[in-house]
Amino acid sequence: MTQIKAIIWDLDNTLYRFSHLFEDACNHIAGRVVRSLGLDMGDDEAKALAAKSFTTHGYSMRVFLEEYGLCRDAMHHEFHKHLDEKILERSLALVDLFERSELQHLIVTHGSRHWAERVLDHIELRRFFPDERILGLEDYDFRKKDESTFVFERAMDMLNCQAHEMIMAEDTVRNLHYPHAMGMKTVLVHHGRIPKNDLPHVHHMVNSAEEIFGLLS
């Protein structure tokens, strides 16, 4: 992939790996947030629904958005405000690979901008992503990566690159359909959870973000 000039990175479970502790924290906080926003539901029930949503969609809050009609903006920001980035594990090897990389890097996350900034600070990658290279879901009008080419077209303009000069790195299979169709190189970061189905829209599968730099060399 010698023609690659830039990498679009997903953030959560891509530039770091979800732990059981973090997954449990996401579900607990989701339950707490939806109750604070007026959902009449017990703690155990809310947490169980959040856990099911996390397993199915990779996002604890999705079930409450789609089935209970809670305010999208309020839930998005409240949920990410209460997450604790300090329980995430850093990878100094990944920091070293970024330091030696001459590529452009951009974050496109379904999380909030504030969450992305805090996580990048904690995992010591913030200096590789200036403010204009971080796109939280609210920064691209909540038009999700699996719903349109909108954010990918915006990324191409921001980086001044053609699709074939870019990698999209993701942990969520469905978020790679549009970049693949546009001509980007698509890389799934699976952290050992290797999909069983054939994925024609995924060019490469890797165990960690570090391995993406190995593909380039």
N, C-alpha and C. Protein backbone atom coordinates (compact mmCIF):
# COMPACT_ATOMS: atom_id res chain seq x y z
N MET A 1 0.83 -1.20 0.00
CA MET A 1 0.00 0.00 0.00
C MET A 1 0.87 1.25 0.00
N THR A 2 1.77 1.30 -0.95
CA THR A 2 2.73 2.40 -0.99
C THR A 2 2.10 3.73 -1.35
N GLN A 3 0.90 3.70 -1.93
CA GLN A 3 0.25 4.94 -2.35
C GLN A 3 -0.51 5.62 -1.21
N ILE A 4 -0.59 4.99 -0.05
CA ILE A 4 -1.37 5.52 1.06
C ILE A 4 -0.73 6.78 1.63
N LYS A 5 -1.56 7.82 1.79
CA LYS A 5 -1.11 9.09 2.35
C LYS A 5 -1.76 9.44 3.68
N ALA A 6 -2.87 8.77 4.00
CA ALA A 6 -3.61 9.14 5.21
C ALA A 6 -4.39 7.95 5.75
N ILE A 7 -4.62 7.99 7.05
CA ILE A 7 -5.46 6.99 7.70
C ILE A 7 -6.59 7.71 8.44
N ILE A 8 -7.81 7.28 8.15
CA ILE A 8 -8.96 7.69 8.95
C ILE A 8 -9.13 6.63 10.03
N TRP A 9 -9.09 7.07 11.28
CA TRP A 9 -9.19 6.14 12.40
C TRP A 9 -10.54 6.26 13.09
N ASP A 10 -11.19 5.14 13.31
CA ASP A 10 -12.19 5.08 14.35
C ASP A 10 -11.43 5.16 15.67
N LEU A 11 -12.13 5.51 16.74
CA LEU A 11 -11.45 5.65 18.03
C LEU A 11 -11.67 4.45 18.93
N ASP A 12 -12.91 4.26 19.37
CA ASP A 12 -13.20 3.29 20.42
C ASP A 12 -13.07 1.85 19.94
N ASN A 13 -12.27 1.10 20.67
CA ASN A 13 -11.94 -0.30 20.36
C ASN A 13 -11.15 -0.44 19.07
N THR A 14 -10.58 0.67 18.61
CA THR A 14 -9.69 0.63 17.44
C THR A 14 -8.31 1.12 17.83
N LEU A 15 -8.22 2.34 18.35
CA LEU A 15 -6.93 2.86 18.83
C LEU A 15 -6.60 2.39 20.25
N TYR A 16 -7.57 1.80 20.90
CA TYR A 16 -7.35 1.08 22.15
C TYR A 16 -8.33 -0.09 22.16
N ARG A 17 -8.13 -1.00 23.08
CA ARG A 17 -8.97 -2.21 23.12
C ARG A 17 -9.95 -2.13 24.29
N PHE A 18 -11.22 -2.44 24.02
CA PHE A 18 -12.19 -2.53 25.10
C PHE A 18 -11.77 -3.62 26.08
N SER A 19 -11.89 -3.33 27.36
CA SER A 19 -11.71 -4.33 28.41
C SER A 19 -13.08 -4.66 28.98
N HIS A 20 -13.16 -5.77 29.72
CA HIS A 20 -14.43 -6.11 30.38
C HIS A 20 -14.82 -5.03 31.37
N LEU A 21 -13.83 -4.45 32.03
CA LEU A 21 -14.09 -3.38 32.99
C LEU A 21 -14.73 -2.18 32.29
N PHE A 22 -14.20 -1.81 31.13
CA PHE A 22 -14.74 -0.65 30.42
C PHE A 22 -16.12 -0.94 29.86
N GLU A 23 -16.33 -2.13 29.32
CA GLU A 23 -17.65 -2.49 28.80
C GLU A 23 -18.70 -2.43 29.91
N ASP A 24 -18.35 -2.95 31.08
CA ASP A 24 -19.28 -2.90 32.21
C ASP A 24 -19.55 -1.47 32.63
N ALA A 25 -18.51 -0.63 32.61
CA ALA A 25 -18.69 0.78 32.97
C ALA A 25 -19.62 1.48 31.98
N CYS A 26 -19.48 1.18 30.69
CA CYS A 26 -20.35 1.77 29.68
C CYS A 26 -21.81 1.42 29.95
N ASN A 27 -22.07 0.18 30.27
CA ASN A 27 -23.44 -0.26 30.50
C ASN A 27 -24.03 0.36 31.77
N HIS A 28 -23.21 0.44 32.80
CA HIS A 28 -23.67 1.05 34.06
C HIS A 28 -23.99 2.53 33.85
N ILE A 29 -23.11 3.24 33.16
CA ILE A 29 -23.31 4.67 32.93
C ILE A 29 -24.50 4.91 32.02
N ALA A 30 -24.67 4.06 31.01
CA ALA A 30 -25.82 4.20 30.12
C ALA A 30 -27.11 4.11 30.91
N GLY A 31 -27.21 3.12 31.80
CA GLY A 31 -28.40 2.98 32.61
C GLY A 31 -28.63 4.18 33.50
N ARG A 32 -27.57 4.69 34.07
CA ARG A 32 -27.69 5.85 34.96
C ARG A 32 -28.14 7.09 34.18
N VAL A 33 -27.59 7.26 32.97
CA VAL A 33 -27.91 8.45 32.17
C VAL A 33 -29.36 8.42 31.70
N VAL A 34 -29.83 7.28 31.21
CA VAL A 34 -31.20 7.25 30.70
C VAL A 34 -32.21 7.48 31.81
N ARG A 35 -31.89 7.02 33.00
CA ARG A 35 -32.80 7.28 34.12
C ARG A 35 -32.79 8.76 34.49
N SER A 36 -31.61 9.39 34.40
CA SER A 36 -31.53 10.82 34.71
C SER A 36 -32.27 11.66 33.67
N LEU A 37 -32.45 11.09 32.46
CA LEU A 37 -33.17 11.80 31.40
C LEU A 37 -34.67 11.50 31.40
N GLY A 38 -35.11 10.77 32.43
CA GLY A 38 -36.54 10.61 32.61
C GLY A 38 -37.11 9.24 32.30
N LEU A 39 -36.27 8.27 31.92
CA LEU A 39 -36.79 6.95 31.61
C LEU A 39 -37.16 6.23 32.90
N ASP A 40 -38.40 5.80 33.01
CA ASP A 40 -38.90 5.13 34.21
C ASP A 40 -38.55 3.65 34.13
N MET A 41 -37.37 3.32 34.64
CA MET A 41 -36.86 1.96 34.53
C MET A 41 -35.90 1.71 35.69
N GLY A 42 -35.91 0.52 36.22
CA GLY A 42 -35.02 0.18 37.31
C GLY A 42 -33.57 0.07 36.86
N ASP A 43 -32.67 0.15 37.81
CA ASP A 43 -31.24 0.12 37.53
C ASP A 43 -30.82 -1.17 36.82
N ASP A 44 -31.26 -2.31 37.35
CA ASP A 44 -30.85 -3.59 36.78
C ASP A 44 -31.38 -3.76 35.36
N GLU A 45 -32.64 -3.35 35.13
CA GLU A 45 -33.23 -3.49 33.80
C GLU A 45 -32.52 -2.60 32.79
N ALA A 46 -32.24 -1.36 33.19
CA ALA A 46 -31.56 -0.42 32.29
C ALA A 46 -30.17 -0.91 31.94
N LYS A 47 -29.45 -1.42 32.93
CA LYS A 47 -28.10 -1.92 32.67
C LYS A 47 -28.13 -3.15 31.77
N ALA A 48 -29.13 -4.02 31.97
CA ALA A 48 -29.24 -5.21 31.13
C ALA A 48 -29.55 -4.84 29.69
N LEU A 49 -30.42 -3.86 29.49
CA LEU A 49 -30.71 -3.41 28.13
C LEU A 49 -29.48 -2.79 27.48
N ALA A 50 -28.74 -2.00 28.27
CA ALA A 50 -27.52 -1.39 27.75
C ALA A 50 -26.50 -2.45 27.36
N ALA A 51 -26.38 -3.49 28.18
CA ALA A 51 -25.43 -4.57 27.88
C ALA A 51 -25.82 -5.30 26.59
N LYS A 52 -27.11 -5.55 26.41
CA LYS A 52 -27.57 -6.19 25.17
C LYS A 52 -27.30 -5.30 23.97
N SER A 53 -27.53 -4.01 24.12
CA SER A 53 -27.26 -3.05 23.04
C SER A 53 -25.77 -3.01 22.71
N PHE A 54 -24.95 -3.08 23.73
CA PHE A 54 -23.49 -3.06 23.51
C PHE A 54 -23.06 -4.30 22.73
N THR A 55 -23.59 -5.45 23.11
CA THR A 55 -23.24 -6.69 22.43
C THR A 55 -23.69 -6.69 20.98
N THR A 56 -24.90 -6.17 20.75
CA THR A 56 -25.49 -6.20 19.40
C THR A 56 -24.94 -5.11 18.50
N HIS A 57 -24.79 -3.91 19.04
CA HIS A 57 -24.46 -2.74 18.22
C HIS A 57 -23.10 -2.10 18.54
N GLY A 58 -22.46 -2.52 19.64
CA GLY A 58 -21.21 -1.89 20.03
C GLY A 58 -21.40 -0.53 20.68
N TYR A 59 -22.65 -0.21 21.07
CA TYR A 59 -22.96 1.09 21.67
C TYR A 59 -24.09 0.90 22.68
N SER A 60 -23.80 1.16 23.94
CA SER A 60 -24.75 0.89 25.01
C SER A 60 -26.03 1.71 24.91
N MET A 61 -25.96 2.87 24.29
CA MET A 61 -27.10 3.79 24.28
C MET A 61 -28.04 3.58 23.10
N ARG A 62 -27.66 2.78 22.13
CA ARG A 62 -28.43 2.70 20.89
C ARG A 62 -29.87 2.24 21.11
N VAL A 63 -30.06 1.26 21.97
CA VAL A 63 -31.40 0.75 22.22
C VAL A 63 -32.31 1.84 22.77
N PHE A 64 -31.77 2.72 23.58
CA PHE A 64 -32.59 3.77 24.18
C PHE A 64 -32.94 4.86 23.17
N LEU A 65 -32.06 5.07 22.20
CA LEU A 65 -32.35 6.01 21.13
C LEU A 65 -33.45 5.48 20.20
N GLU A 66 -33.33 4.22 19.83
CA GLU A 66 -34.20 3.67 18.80
C GLU A 66 -35.55 3.19 19.33
N GLU A 67 -35.60 2.79 20.59
CA GLU A 67 -36.83 2.18 21.10
C GLU A 67 -37.54 3.01 22.17
N TYR A 68 -36.86 3.99 22.75
CA TYR A 68 -37.47 4.73 23.85
C TYR A 68 -37.58 6.23 23.58
N GLY A 69 -37.05 6.69 22.46
CA GLY A 69 -37.26 8.06 22.03
C GLY A 69 -36.64 9.13 22.91
N LEU A 70 -35.56 8.80 23.60
CA LEU A 70 -34.90 9.82 24.42
C LEU A 70 -34.17 10.82 23.53
N CYS A 71 -33.89 11.98 24.07
CA CYS A 71 -33.25 13.05 23.31
C CYS A 71 -31.85 12.64 22.88
N ARG A 72 -31.62 12.59 21.59
CA ARG A 72 -30.34 12.14 21.04
C ARG A 72 -29.16 12.98 21.55
N ASP A 73 -29.25 14.29 21.41
CA ASP A 73 -28.13 15.15 21.75
C ASP A 73 -27.79 15.07 23.23
N ALA A 74 -28.82 15.14 24.08
CA ALA A 74 -28.59 15.10 25.52
C ALA A 74 -27.96 13.77 25.92
N MET A 75 -28.48 12.68 25.40
CA MET A 75 -27.97 11.36 25.74
C MET A 75 -26.54 11.17 25.26
N HIS A 76 -26.26 11.62 24.04
CA HIS A 76 -24.92 11.50 23.46
C HIS A 76 -23.88 12.19 24.35
N HIS A 77 -24.15 13.42 24.72
CA HIS A 77 -23.15 14.18 25.48
C HIS A 77 -23.08 13.73 26.94
N GLU A 78 -24.22 13.44 27.55
CA GLU A 78 -24.22 13.00 28.95
C GLU A 78 -23.49 11.66 29.11
N PHE A 79 -23.75 10.74 28.21
CA PHE A 79 -23.11 9.43 28.29
C PHE A 79 -21.60 9.55 28.22
N HIS A 80 -21.11 10.28 27.22
CA HIS A 80 -19.66 10.37 27.06
C HIS A 80 -19.01 11.24 28.13
N LYS A 81 -19.76 12.17 28.69
CA LYS A 81 -19.21 13.03 29.76
C LYS A 81 -18.85 12.21 30.98
N HIS A 82 -19.62 11.16 31.26
CA HIS A 82 -19.42 10.39 32.48
C HIS A 82 -18.50 9.18 32.32
N LEU A 83 -18.11 8.86 31.10
CA LEU A 83 -17.15 7.76 30.91
C LEU A 83 -15.78 8.15 31.46
N ASP A 84 -15.07 7.17 31.99
CA ASP A 84 -13.76 7.41 32.60
C ASP A 84 -12.66 6.88 31.68
N GLU A 85 -11.98 7.78 30.99
CA GLU A 85 -10.93 7.36 30.06
C GLU A 85 -9.71 6.79 30.78
N LYS A 86 -9.58 7.04 32.08
CA LYS A 86 -8.39 6.61 32.81
C LYS A 86 -8.32 5.11 33.00
N ILE A 87 -9.43 4.40 32.75
CA ILE A 87 -9.38 2.94 32.88
C ILE A 87 -8.95 2.27 31.58
N LEU A 88 -8.72 3.05 30.53
CA LEU A 88 -8.28 2.50 29.25
C LEU A 88 -6.78 2.23 29.28
N GLU A 89 -6.36 1.19 28.58
CA GLU A 89 -4.94 0.84 28.53
C GLU A 89 -4.24 1.55 27.38
N ARG A 90 -3.06 2.12 27.68
CA ARG A 90 -2.23 2.75 26.65
C ARG A 90 -1.37 1.69 25.96
N SER A 91 -0.91 2.04 24.75
CA SER A 91 0.07 1.21 24.05
C SER A 91 1.24 2.11 23.65
N LEU A 92 2.35 1.98 24.36
CA LEU A 92 3.52 2.79 24.02
C LEU A 92 4.08 2.39 22.66
N ALA A 93 3.88 1.13 22.27
CA ALA A 93 4.32 0.69 20.95
C ALA A 93 3.56 1.44 19.86
N LEU A 94 2.27 1.67 20.09
CA LEU A 94 1.47 2.41 19.11
C LEU A 94 1.92 3.87 19.04
N VAL A 95 2.21 4.46 20.17
CA VAL A 95 2.72 5.84 20.19
C VAL A 95 3.99 5.93 19.36
N ASP A 96 4.87 4.96 19.52
CA ASP A 96 6.14 4.95 18.77
C ASP A 96 5.89 4.83 17.27
N LEU A 97 4.94 4.03 16.88
CA LEU A 97 4.63 3.88 15.46
C LEU A 97 4.06 5.18 14.88
N PHE A 98 3.22 5.87 15.63
CA PHE A 98 2.72 7.17 15.18
C PHE A 98 3.87 8.16 15.03
N GLU A 99 4.80 8.15 15.96
CA GLU A 99 5.92 9.09 15.90
C GLU A 99 6.77 8.87 14.66
N ARG A 100 6.85 7.64 14.19
CA ARG A 100 7.68 7.34 13.03
C ARG A 100 6.90 7.40 11.72
N SER A 101 5.61 7.62 11.81
CA SER A 101 4.77 7.67 10.61
C SER A 101 4.80 9.06 9.97
N GLU A 102 4.81 9.08 8.66
CA GLU A 102 4.75 10.35 7.92
C GLU A 102 3.37 10.57 7.32
N LEU A 103 2.42 9.74 7.67
CA LEU A 103 1.07 9.87 7.13
C LEU A 103 0.27 10.94 7.86
N GLN A 104 -0.82 11.37 7.23
CA GLN A 104 -1.79 12.21 7.90
C GLN A 104 -2.76 11.30 8.64
N HIS A 105 -3.27 11.79 9.78
CA HIS A 105 -4.18 11.00 10.60
C HIS A 105 -5.39 11.83 10.98
N LEU A 106 -6.56 11.19 10.96
CA LEU A 106 -7.81 11.87 11.28
C LEU A 106 -8.72 10.90 12.04
N ILE A 107 -9.37 11.39 13.09
CA ILE A 107 -10.32 10.59 13.86
C ILE A 107 -11.74 10.86 13.36
N VAL A 108 -12.48 9.78 13.10
CA VAL A 108 -13.92 9.87 12.85
C VAL A 108 -14.59 8.89 13.81
N THR A 109 -15.23 9.41 14.84
CA THR A 109 -15.81 8.57 15.87
C THR A 109 -17.29 8.83 16.03
N HIS A 110 -18.02 7.80 16.47
CA HIS A 110 -19.42 7.98 16.84
C HIS A 110 -19.53 8.48 18.28
N GLY A 111 -18.40 8.60 18.97
CA GLY A 111 -18.38 9.22 20.28
C GLY A 111 -18.40 10.73 20.15
N SER A 112 -18.40 11.41 21.28
CA SER A 112 -18.40 12.87 21.26
C SER A 112 -16.97 13.39 21.07
N ARG A 113 -16.87 14.61 20.61
CA ARG A 113 -15.55 15.25 20.45
C ARG A 113 -14.83 15.32 21.80
N HIS A 114 -15.55 15.73 22.84
CA HIS A 114 -14.91 15.87 24.15
C HIS A 114 -14.36 14.54 24.63
N TRP A 115 -15.10 13.47 24.42
CA TRP A 115 -14.61 12.13 24.78
C TRP A 115 -13.37 11.78 23.96
N ALA A 116 -13.39 12.03 22.68
CA ALA A 116 -12.23 11.72 21.83
C ALA A 116 -10.99 12.46 22.30
N GLU A 117 -11.13 13.72 22.63
CA GLU A 117 -9.98 14.51 23.09
C GLU A 117 -9.42 13.95 24.39
N ARG A 118 -10.30 13.58 25.32
CA ARG A 118 -9.84 13.02 26.59
C ARG A 118 -9.14 11.69 26.40
N VAL A 119 -9.71 10.83 25.54
CA VAL A 119 -9.09 9.53 25.29
C VAL A 119 -7.72 9.69 24.63
N LEU A 120 -7.65 10.55 23.63
CA LEU A 120 -6.37 10.74 22.94
C LEU A 120 -5.30 11.31 23.87
N ASP A 121 -5.70 12.19 24.76
CA ASP A 121 -4.76 12.67 25.78
C ASP A 121 -4.26 11.51 26.63
N HIS A 122 -5.19 10.68 27.08
CA HIS A 122 -4.84 9.59 28.00
C HIS A 122 -3.94 8.56 27.34
N ILE A 123 -4.21 8.20 26.09
CA ILE A 123 -3.41 7.17 25.43
C ILE A 123 -2.20 7.76 24.70
N GLU A 124 -1.96 9.05 24.92
CA GLU A 124 -0.76 9.77 24.48
C GLU A 124 -0.66 9.90 22.96
N LEU A 125 -1.80 10.01 22.31
CA LEU A 125 -1.80 10.20 20.85
C LEU A 125 -2.36 11.57 20.44
N ARG A 126 -2.67 12.41 21.39
CA ARG A 126 -3.35 13.68 21.07
C ARG A 126 -2.54 14.55 20.11
N ARG A 127 -1.23 14.55 20.25
CA ARG A 127 -0.41 15.46 19.42
C ARG A 127 -0.45 15.09 17.93
N PHE A 128 -0.90 13.88 17.62
CA PHE A 128 -1.00 13.46 16.22
C PHE A 128 -2.34 13.82 15.60
N PHE A 129 -3.24 14.35 16.42
CA PHE A 129 -4.58 14.71 15.96
C PHE A 129 -4.92 16.13 16.41
N PRO A 130 -4.53 17.14 15.63
CA PRO A 130 -4.92 18.52 15.98
C PRO A 130 -6.44 18.65 15.97
N ASP A 131 -6.93 19.72 16.54
CA ASP A 131 -8.38 19.89 16.72
C ASP A 131 -9.17 19.64 15.44
N GLU A 132 -8.68 20.15 14.33
CA GLU A 132 -9.42 20.02 13.07
C GLU A 132 -9.36 18.60 12.50
N ARG A 133 -8.57 17.72 13.11
CA ARG A 133 -8.48 16.34 12.65
C ARG A 133 -9.22 15.38 13.59
N ILE A 134 -10.13 15.92 14.40
CA ILE A 134 -10.96 15.11 15.28
C ILE A 134 -12.42 15.41 14.95
N LEU A 135 -13.16 14.40 14.52
CA LEU A 135 -14.57 14.56 14.21
C LEU A 135 -15.40 13.66 15.11
N GLY A 136 -16.05 14.29 16.11
CA GLY A 136 -17.03 13.57 16.91
C GLY A 136 -18.33 13.51 16.14
N LEU A 137 -19.23 12.63 16.56
CA LEU A 137 -20.47 12.42 15.82
C LEU A 137 -21.24 13.71 15.64
N GLU A 138 -21.22 14.58 16.64
CA GLU A 138 -21.94 15.85 16.53
C GLU A 138 -21.29 16.78 15.51
N ASP A 139 -20.01 16.57 15.21
CA ASP A 139 -19.31 17.43 14.24
C ASP A 139 -19.72 17.12 12.81
N TYR A 140 -20.30 15.96 12.57
CA TYR A 140 -20.79 15.66 11.22
C TYR A 140 -22.28 15.32 11.25
N ASP A 141 -22.98 16.12 12.08
CA ASP A 141 -24.45 16.16 12.07
C ASP A 141 -25.10 14.80 12.35
N PHE A 142 -24.42 13.96 13.14
CA PHE A 142 -24.97 12.67 13.54
C PHE A 142 -25.28 11.77 12.33
N ARG A 143 -24.58 12.02 11.21
CA ARG A 143 -24.74 11.16 10.03
C ARG A 143 -23.73 10.01 10.14
N LYS A 144 -24.18 8.89 10.64
CA LYS A 144 -23.28 7.81 11.03
C LYS A 144 -22.56 7.19 9.85
N LYS A 145 -21.45 6.55 10.17
CA LYS A 145 -20.58 5.99 9.15
C LYS A 145 -21.22 4.86 8.35
N ASP A 146 -22.21 4.21 8.95
CA ASP A 146 -22.88 3.12 8.23
C ASP A 146 -24.14 3.57 7.51
N GLU A 147 -24.36 4.90 7.45
CA GLU A 147 -25.58 5.42 6.85
C GLU A 147 -25.36 6.20 5.55
N SER A 148 -24.14 6.70 5.33
CA SER A 148 -23.89 7.49 4.11
C SER A 148 -22.40 7.70 3.93
N THR A 149 -22.04 8.28 2.80
CA THR A 149 -20.64 8.62 2.52
C THR A 149 -20.26 10.00 3.06
N PHE A 150 -21.20 10.67 3.72
CA PHE A 150 -21.03 12.09 4.08
C PHE A 150 -19.70 12.37 4.78
N VAL A 151 -19.43 11.68 5.87
CA VAL A 151 -18.23 12.01 6.65
C VAL A 151 -16.95 11.60 5.91
N PHE A 152 -17.02 10.58 5.07
CA PHE A 152 -15.84 10.15 4.32
C PHE A 152 -15.50 11.16 3.21
N GLU A 153 -16.50 11.71 2.59
CA GLU A 153 -16.26 12.76 1.61
C GLU A 153 -15.66 13.99 2.29
N ARG A 154 -16.16 14.30 3.46
CA ARG A 154 -15.60 15.42 4.22
C ARG A 154 -14.15 15.17 4.59
N ALA A 155 -13.85 13.94 4.99
CA ALA A 155 -12.47 13.59 5.34
C ALA A 155 -11.54 13.73 4.15
N MET A 156 -11.99 13.31 2.98
CA MET A 156 -11.17 13.44 1.77
C MET A 156 -10.85 14.91 1.49
N ASP A 157 -11.83 15.78 1.66
CA ASP A 157 -11.60 17.21 1.45
C ASP A 157 -10.64 17.77 2.49
N MET A 158 -10.81 17.37 3.74
CA MET A 158 -9.97 17.88 4.82
C MET A 158 -8.50 17.47 4.63
N LEU A 159 -8.30 16.24 4.16
CA LEU A 159 -6.94 15.70 4.01
C LEU A 159 -6.37 15.93 2.63
N ASN A 160 -7.21 16.43 1.71
CA ASN A 160 -6.79 16.66 0.32
C ASN A 160 -6.22 15.38 -0.29
N CYS A 161 -6.95 14.29 -0.10
CA CYS A 161 -6.54 12.99 -0.62
C CYS A 161 -7.66 12.37 -1.45
N GLN A 162 -7.27 11.51 -2.38
CA GLN A 162 -8.23 10.70 -3.10
C GLN A 162 -8.53 9.44 -2.28
N ALA A 163 -9.65 8.81 -2.57
CA ALA A 163 -10.06 7.65 -1.78
C ALA A 163 -9.00 6.55 -1.79
N HIS A 164 -8.38 6.29 -2.95
CA HIS A 164 -7.42 5.19 -3.03
C HIS A 164 -6.12 5.49 -2.28
N GLU A 165 -5.97 6.72 -1.80
CA GLU A 165 -4.79 7.11 -1.03
C GLU A 165 -5.03 7.03 0.48
N MET A 166 -6.19 6.47 0.88
CA MET A 166 -6.58 6.50 2.28
C MET A 166 -6.93 5.11 2.79
N ILE A 167 -6.67 4.91 4.07
CA ILE A 167 -7.12 3.72 4.79
C ILE A 167 -8.23 4.13 5.74
N MET A 168 -9.26 3.31 5.85
CA MET A 168 -10.25 3.46 6.92
C MET A 168 -10.04 2.31 7.88
N ALA A 169 -9.72 2.63 9.14
CA ALA A 169 -9.46 1.63 10.17
C ALA A 169 -10.60 1.62 11.17
N GLU A 170 -11.22 0.48 11.36
CA GLU A 170 -12.46 0.35 12.12
C GLU A 170 -12.51 -0.97 12.89
N ASP A 171 -13.29 -0.98 13.98
CA ASP A 171 -13.56 -2.25 14.65
C ASP A 171 -14.96 -2.76 14.33
N THR A 172 -15.77 -1.96 13.62
CA THR A 172 -17.16 -2.31 13.35
C THR A 172 -17.34 -2.59 11.86
N VAL A 173 -17.73 -3.80 11.53
CA VAL A 173 -17.79 -4.26 10.15
C VAL A 173 -18.68 -3.37 9.29
N ARG A 174 -19.86 -3.04 9.79
CA ARG A 174 -20.82 -2.30 8.95
C ARG A 174 -20.33 -0.89 8.60
N ASN A 175 -19.39 -0.36 9.38
CA ASN A 175 -18.89 0.99 9.10
C ASN A 175 -17.87 1.03 7.97
N LEU A 176 -17.54 -0.13 7.41
CA LEU A 176 -16.55 -0.19 6.33
C LEU A 176 -17.19 -0.32 4.94
N HIS A 177 -18.50 -0.46 4.88
CA HIS A 177 -19.15 -0.63 3.58
C HIS A 177 -18.95 0.60 2.67
N TYR A 178 -19.25 1.78 3.20
CA TYR A 178 -19.16 2.98 2.37
C TYR A 178 -17.73 3.34 1.96
N PRO A 179 -16.77 3.32 2.89
CA PRO A 179 -15.39 3.62 2.43
C PRO A 179 -14.88 2.63 1.40
N HIS A 180 -15.26 1.37 1.54
CA HIS A 180 -14.85 0.37 0.53
C HIS A 180 -15.45 0.71 -0.82
N ALA A 181 -16.73 1.05 -0.84
CA ALA A 181 -17.40 1.38 -2.10
C ALA A 181 -16.79 2.61 -2.75
N MET A 182 -16.25 3.51 -1.94
CA MET A 182 -15.64 4.73 -2.45
C MET A 182 -14.23 4.50 -2.99
N GLY A 183 -13.63 3.36 -2.63
CA GLY A 183 -12.28 3.06 -3.12
C GLY A 183 -11.19 3.15 -2.09
N MET A 184 -11.55 3.34 -0.82
CA MET A 184 -10.55 3.35 0.24
C MET A 184 -10.13 1.92 0.58
N LYS A 185 -8.93 1.79 1.14
CA LYS A 185 -8.50 0.52 1.69
C LYS A 185 -9.14 0.36 3.07
N THR A 186 -9.82 -0.73 3.29
CA THR A 186 -10.54 -0.92 4.54
C THR A 186 -9.83 -1.96 5.40
N VAL A 187 -9.66 -1.61 6.68
CA VAL A 187 -8.98 -2.50 7.62
C VAL A 187 -9.86 -2.68 8.86
N LEU A 188 -10.15 -3.92 9.18
CA LEU A 188 -10.93 -4.24 10.37
C LEU A 188 -9.98 -4.61 11.51
N VAL A 189 -10.09 -3.90 12.62
CA VAL A 189 -9.32 -4.22 13.82
C VAL A 189 -10.22 -5.08 14.72
N HIS A 190 -9.89 -6.35 14.87
CA HIS A 190 -10.81 -7.27 15.53
C HIS A 190 -10.41 -7.67 16.94
N HIS A 191 -9.17 -7.40 17.36
CA HIS A 191 -8.71 -7.74 18.72
C HIS A 191 -9.00 -9.20 19.07
N GLY A 192 -8.84 -10.07 18.12
CA GLY A 192 -9.03 -11.49 18.37
C GLY A 192 -10.44 -11.99 18.16
N ARG A 193 -11.40 -11.08 17.99
CA ARG A 193 -12.79 -11.49 17.73
C ARG A 193 -12.98 -11.52 16.20
N ILE A 194 -12.48 -12.57 15.60
CA ILE A 194 -12.43 -12.66 14.14
C ILE A 194 -13.81 -13.02 13.59
N PRO A 195 -14.33 -12.22 12.68
CA PRO A 195 -15.66 -12.54 12.10
C PRO A 195 -15.65 -13.88 11.38
N LYS A 196 -16.77 -14.57 11.49
CA LYS A 196 -16.89 -15.88 10.84
C LYS A 196 -17.38 -15.77 9.41
N ASN A 197 -18.06 -14.69 9.10
CA ASN A 197 -18.63 -14.52 7.76
C ASN A 197 -17.61 -13.96 6.78
N ASP A 198 -17.82 -14.24 5.50
CA ASP A 198 -17.00 -13.64 4.45
C ASP A 198 -17.32 -12.15 4.37
N LEU A 199 -16.29 -11.33 4.29
CA LEU A 199 -16.47 -9.87 4.29
C LEU A 199 -15.78 -9.27 3.06
N PRO A 200 -16.45 -9.26 1.92
CA PRO A 200 -15.82 -8.76 0.70
C PRO A 200 -15.49 -7.28 0.73
N HIS A 201 -16.08 -6.52 1.65
CA HIS A 201 -15.81 -5.09 1.73
C HIS A 201 -14.67 -4.78 2.71
N VAL A 202 -14.01 -5.81 3.23
CA VAL A 202 -12.88 -5.63 4.13
C VAL A 202 -11.62 -6.13 3.44
N HIS A 203 -10.68 -5.24 3.19
CA HIS A 203 -9.44 -5.64 2.50
C HIS A 203 -8.49 -6.41 3.41
N HIS A 204 -8.38 -5.95 4.67
CA HIS A 204 -7.44 -6.56 5.61
C HIS A 204 -8.09 -6.66 6.98
N MET A 205 -7.73 -7.70 7.73
CA MET A 205 -8.13 -7.82 9.12
C MET A 205 -6.87 -7.93 9.99
N VAL A 206 -6.84 -7.17 11.06
CA VAL A 206 -5.67 -7.16 11.94
C VAL A 206 -6.13 -7.29 13.39
N ASN A 207 -5.21 -7.71 14.23
CA ASN A 207 -5.53 -7.92 15.65
C ASN A 207 -5.47 -6.62 16.45
N SER A 208 -4.72 -5.64 15.96
CA SER A 208 -4.54 -4.39 16.71
C SER A 208 -4.18 -3.26 15.77
N ALA A 209 -4.30 -2.03 16.27
CA ALA A 209 -3.94 -0.87 15.46
C ALA A 209 -2.47 -0.90 15.05
N GLU A 210 -1.62 -1.44 15.91
CA GLU A 210 -0.20 -1.50 15.59
C GLU A 210 0.06 -2.23 14.28
N GLU A 211 -0.71 -3.28 14.02
CA GLU A 211 -0.48 -4.10 12.83
C GLU A 211 -0.78 -3.36 11.53
N ILE A 212 -1.56 -2.30 11.60
CA ILE A 212 -1.85 -1.52 10.39
C ILE A 212 -0.58 -0.90 9.84
N PHE A 213 0.29 -0.44 10.72
CA PHE A 213 1.54 0.14 10.26
C PHE A 213 2.42 -0.93 9.60
N GLY A 214 2.29 -2.17 10.04
CA GLY A 214 3.02 -3.27 9.39
C GLY A 214 2.53 -3.53 7.98
N LEU A 215 1.24 -3.33 7.74
CA LEU A 215 0.71 -3.47 6.38
C LEU A 215 1.35 -2.46 5.44
N LEU A 216 1.61 -1.28 5.96
CA LEU A 216 2.18 -0.21 5.13
C LEU A 216 3.63 -0.47 4.76
N SER A 217 4.33 -1.20 5.61
CA SER A 217 5.74 -1.46 5.34
C SER A 217 5.93 -2.74 4.54
